[in-house]
Amino acid sequence: MDVLGTIINLAGGALGGNGAGGILKKLSLGTMGNTVVGLIGSLVMKYVPALSGLINLGGDAAASGGGDMMGMLSGLLSGGLGGGVLMTVVGLIKNVLLKK
């Protein structure tokens, strides 16, 4: 298991979730909620095979033990994308449920 790659991916997810929450204030789940949902979104992007290669900048972090800069950037961006998208979806669902 690539521990450094997972940590980088999780960091991207936390940043992506909080970034999306900062931009989309009406969908924000609060700092802790955005972070947790962002972390989950980053793991989905990393471990779901259909999504794991979505952002690939040509690096191979796994092959080089996580030390490849392009691989680390790919992990950070894919984690951020997964975290931001999942935080947005969860925020939309929360708003729909609270309107009832």
PDB file of N, CA and C in Angstrom:
ATOM      1  N   MET A   1       0.841  -1.183   0.000  1.00  0.00           N
ATOM      2  CA  MET A   1       0.000   0.000   0.000  1.00  0.00           C
ATOM      3  C   MET A   1       0.877   1.235   0.000  1.00  0.00           C
ATOM      4  N   ASP A   2       0.563   2.177  -0.804  1.00  0.00           N
ATOM      5  CA  ASP A   2       1.330   3.399  -0.955  1.00  0.00           C
ATOM      6  C   ASP A   2       0.850   4.418   0.073  1.00  0.00           C
ATOM      7  N   VAL A   3       1.541   4.469   1.225  1.00  0.00           N
ATOM      8  CA  VAL A   3       1.106   5.317   2.329  1.00  0.00           C
ATOM      9  C   VAL A   3       1.242   6.794   1.976  1.00  0.00           C
ATOM     10  N   LEU A   4       2.371   7.183   1.392  1.00  0.00           N
ATOM     11  CA  LEU A   4       2.560   8.591   1.047  1.00  0.00           C
ATOM     12  C   LEU A   4       1.536   9.050   0.015  1.00  0.00           C
ATOM     13  N   GLY A   5       1.253   8.209  -0.969  1.00  0.00           N
ATOM     14  CA  GLY A   5       0.251   8.555  -1.968  1.00  0.00           C
ATOM     15  C   GLY A   5      -1.126   8.732  -1.347  1.00  0.00           C
ATOM     16  N   THR A   6      -1.464   7.881  -0.385  1.00  0.00           N
ATOM     17  CA  THR A   6      -2.759   7.994   0.296  1.00  0.00           C
ATOM     18  C   THR A   6      -2.828   9.263   1.128  1.00  0.00           C
ATOM     19  N   ILE A   7      -1.743   9.597   1.817  1.00  0.00           N
ATOM     20  CA  ILE A   7      -1.720  10.818   2.632  1.00  0.00           C
ATOM     21  C   ILE A   7      -1.870  12.054   1.738  1.00  0.00           C
ATOM     22  N   ILE A   8      -1.173  12.071   0.620  1.00  0.00           N
ATOM     23  CA  ILE A   8      -1.279  13.193  -0.321  1.00  0.00           C
ATOM     24  C   ILE A   8      -2.687  13.295  -0.872  1.00  0.00           C
ATOM     25  N   ASN A   9      -3.288  12.152  -1.195  1.00  0.00           N
ATOM     26  CA  ASN A   9      -4.649  12.127  -1.708  1.00  0.00           C
ATOM     27  C   ASN A   9      -5.626  12.637  -0.654  1.00  0.00           C
ATOM     28  N   LEU A  10      -5.455  12.227   0.596  1.00  0.00           N
ATOM     29  CA  LEU A  10      -6.323  12.688   1.680  1.00  0.00           C
ATOM     30  C   LEU A  10      -6.177  14.192   1.913  1.00  0.00           C
ATOM     31  N   ALA A  11      -4.953  14.689   1.834  1.00  0.00           N
ATOM     32  CA  ALA A  11      -4.739  16.128   1.993  1.00  0.00           C
ATOM     33  C   ALA A  11      -5.471  16.898   0.889  1.00  0.00           C
ATOM     34  N   GLY A  12      -5.391  16.389  -0.328  1.00  0.00           N
ATOM     35  CA  GLY A  12      -6.120  17.021  -1.429  1.00  0.00           C
ATOM     36  C   GLY A  12      -7.618  16.990  -1.198  1.00  0.00           C
ATOM     37  N   GLY A  13      -8.123  15.882  -0.668  1.00  0.00           N
ATOM     38  CA  GLY A  13      -9.552  15.774  -0.389  1.00  0.00           C
ATOM     39  C   GLY A  13     -10.015  16.761   0.665  1.00  0.00           C
ATOM     40  N   ALA A  14      -9.221  16.910   1.734  1.00  0.00           N
ATOM     41  CA  ALA A  14      -9.573  17.872   2.776  1.00  0.00           C
ATOM     42  C   ALA A  14      -9.564  19.295   2.218  1.00  0.00           C
ATOM     43  N   LEU A  15      -8.550  19.600   1.419  1.00  0.00           N
ATOM     44  CA  LEU A  15      -8.495  20.934   0.798  1.00  0.00           C
ATOM     45  C   LEU A  15      -9.638  21.137  -0.191  1.00  0.00           C
ATOM     46  N   GLY A  16      -9.942  20.118  -0.976  1.00  0.00           N
ATOM     47  CA  GLY A  16     -11.027  20.218  -1.951  1.00  0.00           C
ATOM     48  C   GLY A  16     -12.386  20.388  -1.291  1.00  0.00           C
ATOM     49  N   GLY A  17     -12.635  19.629  -0.235  1.00  0.00           N
ATOM     50  CA  GLY A  17     -13.904  19.751   0.476  1.00  0.00           C
ATOM     51  C   GLY A  17     -14.077  21.119   1.108  1.00  0.00           C
ATOM     52  N   ASN A  18     -13.022  21.623   1.742  1.00  0.00           N
ATOM     53  CA  ASN A  18     -13.106  22.941   2.369  1.00  0.00           C
ATOM     54  C   ASN A  18     -13.110  24.060   1.338  1.00  0.00           C
ATOM     55  N   GLY A  19     -12.401  23.859   0.234  1.00  0.00           N
ATOM     56  CA  GLY A  19     -12.426  24.857  -0.835  1.00  0.00           C
ATOM     57  C   GLY A  19     -13.805  24.979  -1.456  1.00  0.00           C
ATOM     58  N   ALA A  20     -14.430  23.835  -1.721  1.00  0.00           N
ATOM     59  CA  ALA A  20     -15.787  23.850  -2.280  1.00  0.00           C
ATOM     60  C   ALA A  20     -16.769  24.457  -1.277  1.00  0.00           C
ATOM     61  N   GLY A  21     -16.585  24.145  -0.001  1.00  0.00           N
ATOM     62  CA  GLY A  21     -17.455  24.727   1.020  1.00  0.00           C
ATOM     63  C   GLY A  21     -17.281  26.227   1.141  1.00  0.00           C
ATOM     64  N   GLY A  22     -16.064  26.705   0.918  1.00  0.00           N
ATOM     65  CA  GLY A  22     -15.812  28.144   0.963  1.00  0.00           C
ATOM     66  C   GLY A  22     -16.400  28.870  -0.228  1.00  0.00           C
ATOM     67  N   ILE A  23     -16.357  28.231  -1.377  1.00  0.00           N
ATOM     68  CA  ILE A  23     -16.895  28.850  -2.597  1.00  0.00           C
ATOM     69  C   ILE A  23     -18.418  28.755  -2.621  1.00  0.00           C
ATOM     70  N   LEU A  24     -18.949  27.603  -2.244  1.00  0.00           N
ATOM     71  CA  LEU A  24     -20.397  27.356  -2.271  1.00  0.00           C
ATOM     72  C   LEU A  24     -20.944  27.433  -0.845  1.00  0.00           C
ATOM     73  N   LYS A  25     -21.040  28.636  -0.325  1.00  0.00           N
ATOM     74  CA  LYS A  25     -21.421  28.852   1.078  1.00  0.00           C
ATOM     75  C   LYS A  25     -22.770  28.213   1.437  1.00  0.00           C
ATOM     76  N   LYS A  26     -23.730  28.220   0.520  1.00  0.00           N
ATOM     77  CA  LYS A  26     -25.053  27.659   0.821  1.00  0.00           C
ATOM     78  C   LYS A  26     -25.018  26.134   0.933  1.00  0.00           C
ATOM     79  N   LEU A  27     -23.999  25.514   0.384  1.00  0.00           N
ATOM     80  CA  LEU A  27     -23.888  24.055   0.444  1.00  0.00           C
ATOM     81  C   LEU A  27     -22.911  23.587   1.506  1.00  0.00           C
ATOM     82  N   SER A  28     -22.223  24.510   2.153  1.00  0.00           N
ATOM     83  CA  SER A  28     -21.189  24.167   3.122  1.00  0.00           C
ATOM     84  C   SER A  28     -21.759  23.361   4.289  1.00  0.00           C
ATOM     85  N   LEU A  29     -20.970  22.420   4.756  1.00  0.00           N
ATOM     86  CA  LEU A  29     -21.347  21.570   5.883  1.00  0.00           C
ATOM     87  C   LEU A  29     -20.601  21.976   7.146  1.00  0.00           C
ATOM     88  N   GLY A  30     -19.956  23.111   7.134  1.00  0.00           N
ATOM     89  CA  GLY A  30     -19.099  23.529   8.234  1.00  0.00           C
ATOM     90  C   GLY A  30     -17.697  22.973   8.013  1.00  0.00           C
ATOM     91  N   THR A  31     -16.731  23.511   8.712  1.00  0.00           N
ATOM     92  CA  THR A  31     -15.344  23.106   8.478  1.00  0.00           C
ATOM     93  C   THR A  31     -15.134  21.618   8.705  1.00  0.00           C
ATOM     94  N   MET A  32     -15.626  21.099   9.795  1.00  0.00           N
ATOM     95  CA  MET A  32     -15.424  19.680  10.096  1.00  0.00           C
ATOM     96  C   MET A  32     -16.181  18.792   9.108  1.00  0.00           C
ATOM     97  N   GLY A  33     -17.405  19.153   8.784  1.00  0.00           N
ATOM     98  CA  GLY A  33     -18.184  18.377   7.820  1.00  0.00           C
ATOM     99  C   GLY A  33     -17.556  18.393   6.437  1.00  0.00           C
ATOM    100  N   ASN A  34     -17.091  19.559   6.000  1.00  0.00           N
ATOM    101  CA  ASN A  34     -16.428  19.659   4.705  1.00  0.00           C
ATOM    102  C   ASN A  34     -15.163  18.802   4.671  1.00  0.00           C
ATOM    103  N   THR A  35     -14.416  18.809   5.769  1.00  0.00           N
ATOM    104  CA  THR A  35     -13.180  18.034   5.833  1.00  0.00           C
ATOM    105  C   THR A  35     -13.461  16.545   5.772  1.00  0.00           C
ATOM    106  N   VAL A  36     -14.404  16.073   6.569  1.00  0.00           N
ATOM    107  CA  VAL A  36     -14.709  14.641   6.613  1.00  0.00           C
ATOM    108  C   VAL A  36     -15.244  14.154   5.265  1.00  0.00           C
ATOM    109  N   VAL A  37     -16.171  14.890   4.691  1.00  0.00           N
ATOM    110  CA  VAL A  37     -16.722  14.499   3.397  1.00  0.00           C
ATOM    111  C   VAL A  37     -15.641  14.590   2.315  1.00  0.00           C
ATOM    112  N   GLY A  38     -14.769  15.584   2.408  1.00  0.00           N
ATOM    113  CA  GLY A  38     -13.660  15.697   1.472  1.00  0.00           C
ATOM    114  C   GLY A  38     -12.709  14.518   1.560  1.00  0.00           C
ATOM    115  N   LEU A  39     -12.421  14.060   2.772  1.00  0.00           N
ATOM    116  CA  LEU A  39     -11.564  12.883   2.960  1.00  0.00           C
ATOM    117  C   LEU A  39     -12.199  11.641   2.342  1.00  0.00           C
ATOM    118  N   ILE A  40     -13.489  11.478   2.549  1.00  0.00           N
ATOM    119  CA  ILE A  40     -14.192  10.326   1.971  1.00  0.00           C
ATOM    120  C   ILE A  40     -14.188  10.417   0.445  1.00  0.00           C
ATOM    121  N   GLY A  41     -14.422  11.607  -0.089  1.00  0.00           N
ATOM    122  CA  GLY A  41     -14.402  11.800  -1.536  1.00  0.00           C
ATOM    123  C   GLY A  41     -13.036  11.504  -2.142  1.00  0.00           C
ATOM    124  N   SER A  42     -11.979  11.856  -1.428  1.00  0.00           N
ATOM    125  CA  SER A  42     -10.639  11.574  -1.944  1.00  0.00           C
ATOM    126  C   SER A  42     -10.371  10.084  -1.980  1.00  0.00           C
ATOM    127  N   LEU A  43     -10.847   9.358  -0.983  1.00  0.00           N
ATOM    128  CA  LEU A  43     -10.662   7.897  -0.978  1.00  0.00           C
ATOM    129  C   LEU A  43     -11.467   7.236  -2.091  1.00  0.00           C
ATOM    130  N   VAL A  44     -12.649   7.772  -2.361  1.00  0.00           N
ATOM    131  CA  VAL A  44     -13.450   7.244  -3.476  1.00  0.00           C
ATOM    132  C   VAL A  44     -12.686   7.428  -4.786  1.00  0.00           C
ATOM    133  N   MET A  45     -12.112   8.612  -4.982  1.00  0.00           N
ATOM    134  CA  MET A  45     -11.354   8.869  -6.213  1.00  0.00           C
ATOM    135  C   MET A  45     -10.124   7.973  -6.308  1.00  0.00           C
ATOM    136  N   LYS A  46      -9.505   7.658  -5.172  1.00  0.00           N
ATOM    137  CA  LYS A  46      -8.276   6.859  -5.199  1.00  0.00           C
ATOM    138  C   LYS A  46      -8.558   5.380  -5.414  1.00  0.00           C
ATOM    139  N   TYR A  47      -9.609   4.848  -4.794  1.00  0.00           N
ATOM    140  CA  TYR A  47      -9.782   3.406  -4.765  1.00  0.00           C
ATOM    141  C   TYR A  47     -10.896   2.859  -5.649  1.00  0.00           C
ATOM    142  N   VAL A  48     -11.716   3.693  -6.270  1.00  0.00           N
ATOM    143  CA  VAL A  48     -12.706   3.196  -7.232  1.00  0.00           C
ATOM    144  C   VAL A  48     -12.003   3.102  -8.584  1.00  0.00           C
ATOM    145  N   PRO A  49     -11.867   1.898  -9.115  1.00  0.00           N
ATOM    146  CA  PRO A  49     -11.069   1.717 -10.335  1.00  0.00           C
ATOM    147  C   PRO A  49     -11.488   2.588 -11.515  1.00  0.00           C
ATOM    148  N   ALA A  50     -12.773   2.825 -11.673  1.00  0.00           N
ATOM    149  CA  ALA A  50     -13.229   3.625 -12.812  1.00  0.00           C
ATOM    150  C   ALA A  50     -12.815   5.087 -12.680  1.00  0.00           C
ATOM    151  N   LEU A  51     -12.552   5.548 -11.452  1.00  0.00           N
ATOM    152  CA  LEU A  51     -12.220   6.951 -11.221  1.00  0.00           C
ATOM    153  C   LEU A  51     -10.746   7.182 -10.930  1.00  0.00           C
ATOM    154  N   SER A  52     -10.024   6.138 -10.539  1.00  0.00           N
ATOM    155  CA  SER A  52      -8.663   6.321 -10.045  1.00  0.00           C
ATOM    156  C   SER A  52      -7.706   6.879 -11.089  1.00  0.00           C
ATOM    157  N   GLY A  53      -7.930   6.645 -12.359  1.00  0.00           N
ATOM    158  CA  GLY A  53      -7.052   7.170 -13.394  1.00  0.00           C
ATOM    159  C   GLY A  53      -7.586   8.415 -14.072  1.00  0.00           C
ATOM    160  N   LEU A  54      -8.613   9.026 -13.483  1.00  0.00           N
ATOM    161  CA  LEU A  54      -9.260  10.176 -14.111  1.00  0.00           C
ATOM    162  C   LEU A  54      -8.290  11.343 -14.306  1.00  0.00           C
ATOM    163  N   ILE A  55      -7.495  11.628 -13.292  1.00  0.00           N
ATOM    164  CA  ILE A  55      -6.487  12.687 -13.402  1.00  0.00           C
ATOM    165  C   ILE A  55      -5.128  12.012 -13.336  1.00  0.00           C
ATOM    166  N   ASN A  56      -4.441  11.987 -14.446  1.00  0.00           N
ATOM    167  CA  ASN A  56      -3.107  11.405 -14.495  1.00  0.00           C
ATOM    168  C   ASN A  56      -2.227  12.352 -15.288  1.00  0.00           C
ATOM    169  N   LEU A  57      -1.286  12.957 -14.598  1.00  0.00           N
ATOM    170  CA  LEU A  57      -0.410  13.928 -15.240  1.00  0.00           C
ATOM    171  C   LEU A  57       0.855  13.285 -15.788  1.00  0.00           C
ATOM    172  N   GLY A  58       0.847  11.977 -15.911  1.00  0.00           N
ATOM    173  CA  GLY A  58       1.997  11.294 -16.473  1.00  0.00           C
ATOM    174  C   GLY A  58       2.947  10.760 -15.434  1.00  0.00           C
ATOM    175  N   GLY A  59       2.705  11.029 -14.177  1.00  0.00           N
ATOM    176  CA  GLY A  59       3.565  10.536 -13.113  1.00  0.00           C
ATOM    177  C   GLY A  59       3.091   9.188 -12.623  1.00  0.00           C
ATOM    178  N   ASP A  60       3.971   8.494 -11.962  1.00  0.00           N
ATOM    179  CA  ASP A  60       3.623   7.198 -11.395  1.00  0.00           C
ATOM    180  C   ASP A  60       4.119   7.152  -9.963  1.00  0.00           C
ATOM    181  N   ALA A  61       3.304   7.668  -9.045  1.00  0.00           N
ATOM    182  CA  ALA A  61       3.708   7.755  -7.650  1.00  0.00           C
ATOM    183  C   ALA A  61       3.910   6.380  -7.042  1.00  0.00           C
ATOM    184  N   ALA A  62       3.110   5.403  -7.443  1.00  0.00           N
ATOM    185  CA  ALA A  62       3.217   4.068  -6.867  1.00  0.00           C
ATOM    186  C   ALA A  62       4.527   3.402  -7.273  1.00  0.00           C
ATOM    187  N   ALA A  63       4.943   3.581  -8.506  1.00  0.00           N
ATOM    188  CA  ALA A  63       6.150   2.926  -8.994  1.00  0.00           C
ATOM    189  C   ALA A  63       7.404   3.500  -8.343  1.00  0.00           C
ATOM    190  N   SER A  64       7.371   4.763  -7.967  1.00  0.00           N
ATOM    191  CA  SER A  64       8.564   5.382  -7.396  1.00  0.00           C
ATOM    192  C   SER A  64       8.449   5.561  -5.890  1.00  0.00           C
ATOM    193  N   GLY A  65       7.537   4.858  -5.250  1.00  0.00           N
ATOM    194  CA  GLY A  65       7.386   4.964  -3.810  1.00  0.00           C
ATOM    195  C   GLY A  65       6.762   6.270  -3.365  1.00  0.00           C
ATOM    196  N   GLY A  66       6.059   6.922  -4.229  1.00  0.00           N
ATOM    197  CA  GLY A  66       5.381   8.167  -3.867  1.00  0.00           C
ATOM    198  C   GLY A  66       6.258   9.392  -4.031  1.00  0.00           C
ATOM    199  N   GLY A  67       7.482   9.249  -4.539  1.00  0.00           N
ATOM    200  CA  GLY A  67       8.384  10.372  -4.638  1.00  0.00           C
ATOM    201  C   GLY A  67       8.327  11.118  -5.954  1.00  0.00           C
ATOM    202  N   ASP A  68       7.582  10.650  -6.905  1.00  0.00           N
ATOM    203  CA  ASP A  68       7.477  11.289  -8.214  1.00  0.00           C
ATOM    204  C   ASP A  68       6.586  12.529  -8.093  1.00  0.00           C
ATOM    205  N   MET A  69       7.110  13.683  -8.469  1.00  0.00           N
ATOM    206  CA  MET A  69       6.370  14.939  -8.305  1.00  0.00           C
ATOM    207  C   MET A  69       5.071  14.970  -9.101  1.00  0.00           C
ATOM    208  N   MET A  70       5.078  14.477 -10.329  1.00  0.00           N
ATOM    209  CA  MET A  70       3.852  14.489 -11.130  1.00  0.00           C
ATOM    210  C   MET A  70       2.826  13.525 -10.549  1.00  0.00           C
ATOM    211  N   GLY A  71       3.283  12.405 -10.019  1.00  0.00           N
ATOM    212  CA  GLY A  71       2.367  11.471  -9.372  1.00  0.00           C
ATOM    213  C   GLY A  71       1.750  12.063  -8.116  1.00  0.00           C
ATOM    214  N   MET A  72       2.557  12.799  -7.345  1.00  0.00           N
ATOM    215  CA  MET A  72       2.040  13.441  -6.135  1.00  0.00           C
ATOM    216  C   MET A  72       1.045  14.541  -6.501  1.00  0.00           C
ATOM    217  N   LEU A  73       1.354  15.294  -7.547  1.00  0.00           N
ATOM    218  CA  LEU A  73       0.429  16.341  -7.985  1.00  0.00           C
ATOM    219  C   LEU A  73      -0.878  15.735  -8.494  1.00  0.00           C
ATOM    220  N   SER A  74      -0.777  14.621  -9.208  1.00  0.00           N
ATOM    221  CA  SER A  74      -1.987  13.926  -9.668  1.00  0.00           C
ATOM    222  C   SER A  74      -2.834  13.476  -8.485  1.00  0.00           C
ATOM    223  N   GLY A  75      -2.185  12.922  -7.460  1.00  0.00           N
ATOM    224  CA  GLY A  75      -2.906  12.484  -6.268  1.00  0.00           C
ATOM    225  C   GLY A  75      -3.561  13.639  -5.542  1.00  0.00           C
ATOM    226  N   LEU A  76      -2.848  14.754  -5.451  1.00  0.00           N
ATOM    227  CA  LEU A  76      -3.399  15.935  -4.781  1.00  0.00           C
ATOM    228  C   LEU A  76      -4.604  16.482  -5.538  1.00  0.00           C
ATOM    229  N   LEU A  77      -4.481  16.559  -6.864  1.00  0.00           N
ATOM    230  CA  LEU A  77      -5.586  17.079  -7.673  1.00  0.00           C
ATOM    231  C   LEU A  77      -6.788  16.140  -7.700  1.00  0.00           C
ATOM    232  N   SER A  78      -6.530  14.833  -7.822  1.00  0.00           N
ATOM    233  CA  SER A  78      -7.665  13.901  -7.850  1.00  0.00           C
ATOM    234  C   SER A  78      -8.352  13.848  -6.491  1.00  0.00           C
ATOM    235  N   GLY A  79      -7.584  13.917  -5.417  1.00  0.00           N
ATOM    236  CA  GLY A  79      -8.196  13.974  -4.089  1.00  0.00           C
ATOM    237  C   GLY A  79      -9.011  15.232  -3.900  1.00  0.00           C
ATOM    238  N   GLY A  80      -8.478  16.359  -4.380  1.00  0.00           N
ATOM    239  CA  GLY A  80      -9.204  17.626  -4.287  1.00  0.00           C
ATOM    240  C   GLY A  80     -10.486  17.611  -5.098  1.00  0.00           C
ATOM    241  N   LEU A  81     -10.416  17.040  -6.284  1.00  0.00           N
ATOM    242  CA  LEU A  81     -11.609  16.929  -7.128  1.00  0.00           C
ATOM    243  C   LEU A  81     -12.658  16.035  -6.467  1.00  0.00           C
ATOM    244  N   GLY A  82     -12.229  14.883  -5.985  1.00  0.00           N
ATOM    245  CA  GLY A  82     -13.170  13.968  -5.324  1.00  0.00           C
ATOM    246  C   GLY A  82     -13.788  14.581  -4.084  1.00  0.00           C
ATOM    247  N   GLY A  83     -12.959  15.259  -3.281  1.00  0.00           N
ATOM    248  CA  GLY A  83     -13.467  15.902  -2.071  1.00  0.00           C
ATOM    249  C   GLY A  83     -14.436  17.029  -2.373  1.00  0.00           C
ATOM    250  N   GLY A  84     -14.103  17.837  -3.368  1.00  0.00           N
ATOM    251  CA  GLY A  84     -14.975  18.955  -3.727  1.00  0.00           C
ATOM    252  C   GLY A  84     -16.299  18.507  -4.312  1.00  0.00           C
ATOM    253  N   VAL A  85     -16.248  17.506  -5.171  1.00  0.00           N
ATOM    254  CA  VAL A  85     -17.480  17.013  -5.808  1.00  0.00           C
ATOM    255  C   VAL A  85     -18.382  16.345  -4.771  1.00  0.00           C
ATOM    256  N   LEU A  86     -17.806  15.500  -3.915  1.00  0.00           N
ATOM    257  CA  LEU A  86     -18.642  14.817  -2.924  1.00  0.00           C
ATOM    258  C   LEU A  86     -19.215  15.808  -1.913  1.00  0.00           C
ATOM    259  N   MET A  87     -18.450  16.821  -1.507  1.00  0.00           N
ATOM    260  CA  MET A  87     -18.971  17.824  -0.586  1.00  0.00           C
ATOM    261  C   MET A  87     -20.133  18.582  -1.222  1.00  0.00           C
ATOM    262  N   THR A  88     -20.037  18.877  -2.515  1.00  0.00           N
ATOM    263  CA  THR A  88     -21.118  19.562  -3.220  1.00  0.00           C
ATOM    264  C   THR A  88     -22.374  18.700  -3.283  1.00  0.00           C
ATOM    265  N   VAL A  89     -22.203  17.424  -3.592  1.00  0.00           N
ATOM    266  CA  VAL A  89     -23.349  16.504  -3.680  1.00  0.00           C
ATOM    267  C   VAL A  89     -24.014  16.346  -2.308  1.00  0.00           C
ATOM    268  N   VAL A  90     -23.205  16.152  -1.272  1.00  0.00           N
ATOM    269  CA  VAL A  90     -23.769  15.988   0.071  1.00  0.00           C
ATOM    270  C   VAL A  90     -24.454  17.282   0.520  1.00  0.00           C
ATOM    271  N   GLY A  91     -23.868  18.441   0.202  1.00  0.00           N
ATOM    272  CA  GLY A  91     -24.495  19.724   0.535  1.00  0.00           C
ATOM    273  C   GLY A  91     -25.828  19.909  -0.158  1.00  0.00           C
ATOM    274  N   LEU A  92     -25.902  19.515  -1.434  1.00  0.00           N
ATOM    275  CA  LEU A  92     -27.176  19.590  -2.164  1.00  0.00           C
ATOM    276  C   LEU A  92     -28.225  18.680  -1.534  1.00  0.00           C
ATOM    277  N   ILE A  93     -27.832  17.463  -1.197  1.00  0.00           N
ATOM    278  CA  ILE A  93     -28.768  16.524  -0.571  1.00  0.00           C
ATOM    279  C   ILE A  93     -29.247  17.067   0.772  1.00  0.00           C
ATOM    280  N   LYS A  94     -28.331  17.621   1.565  1.00  0.00           N
ATOM    281  CA  LYS A  94     -28.699  18.192   2.860  1.00  0.00           C
ATOM    282  C   LYS A  94     -29.707  19.316   2.685  1.00  0.00           C
ATOM    283  N   ASN A  95     -29.477  20.196   1.721  1.00  0.00           N
ATOM    284  CA  ASN A  95     -30.398  21.310   1.494  1.00  0.00           C
ATOM    285  C   ASN A  95     -31.772  20.829   1.040  1.00  0.00           C
ATOM    286  N   VAL A  96     -31.822  19.831   0.188  1.00  0.00           N
ATOM    287  CA  VAL A  96     -33.115  19.289  -0.278  1.00  0.00           C
ATOM    288  C   VAL A  96     -33.869  18.665   0.894  1.00  0.00           C
ATOM    289  N   LEU A  97     -33.163  17.922   1.745  1.00  0.00           N
ATOM    290  CA  LEU A  97     -33.824  17.270   2.876  1.00  0.00           C
ATOM    291  C   LEU A  97     -34.308  18.275   3.919  1.00  0.00           C
ATOM    292  N   LEU A  98     -33.577  19.375   4.095  1.00  0.00           N
ATOM    293  CA  LEU A  98     -33.978  20.370   5.083  1.00  0.00           C
ATOM    294  C   LEU A  98     -35.148  21.225   4.618  1.00  0.00           C
ATOM    295  N   LYS A  99     -35.408  21.296   3.317  1.00  0.00           N
ATOM    296  CA  LYS A  99     -36.525  22.075   2.794  1.00  0.00           C
ATOM    297  C   LYS A  99     -37.865  21.385   3.018  1.00  0.00           C
ATOM    298  N   LYS A 100     -37.855  20.090   3.278  1.00  0.00           N
ATOM    299  CA  LYS A 100     -39.123  19.359   3.464  1.00  0.00           C
ATOM    300  C   LYS A 100     -39.694  19.605   4.822  1.00  0.00           C
TER     301      LYS A 100
END
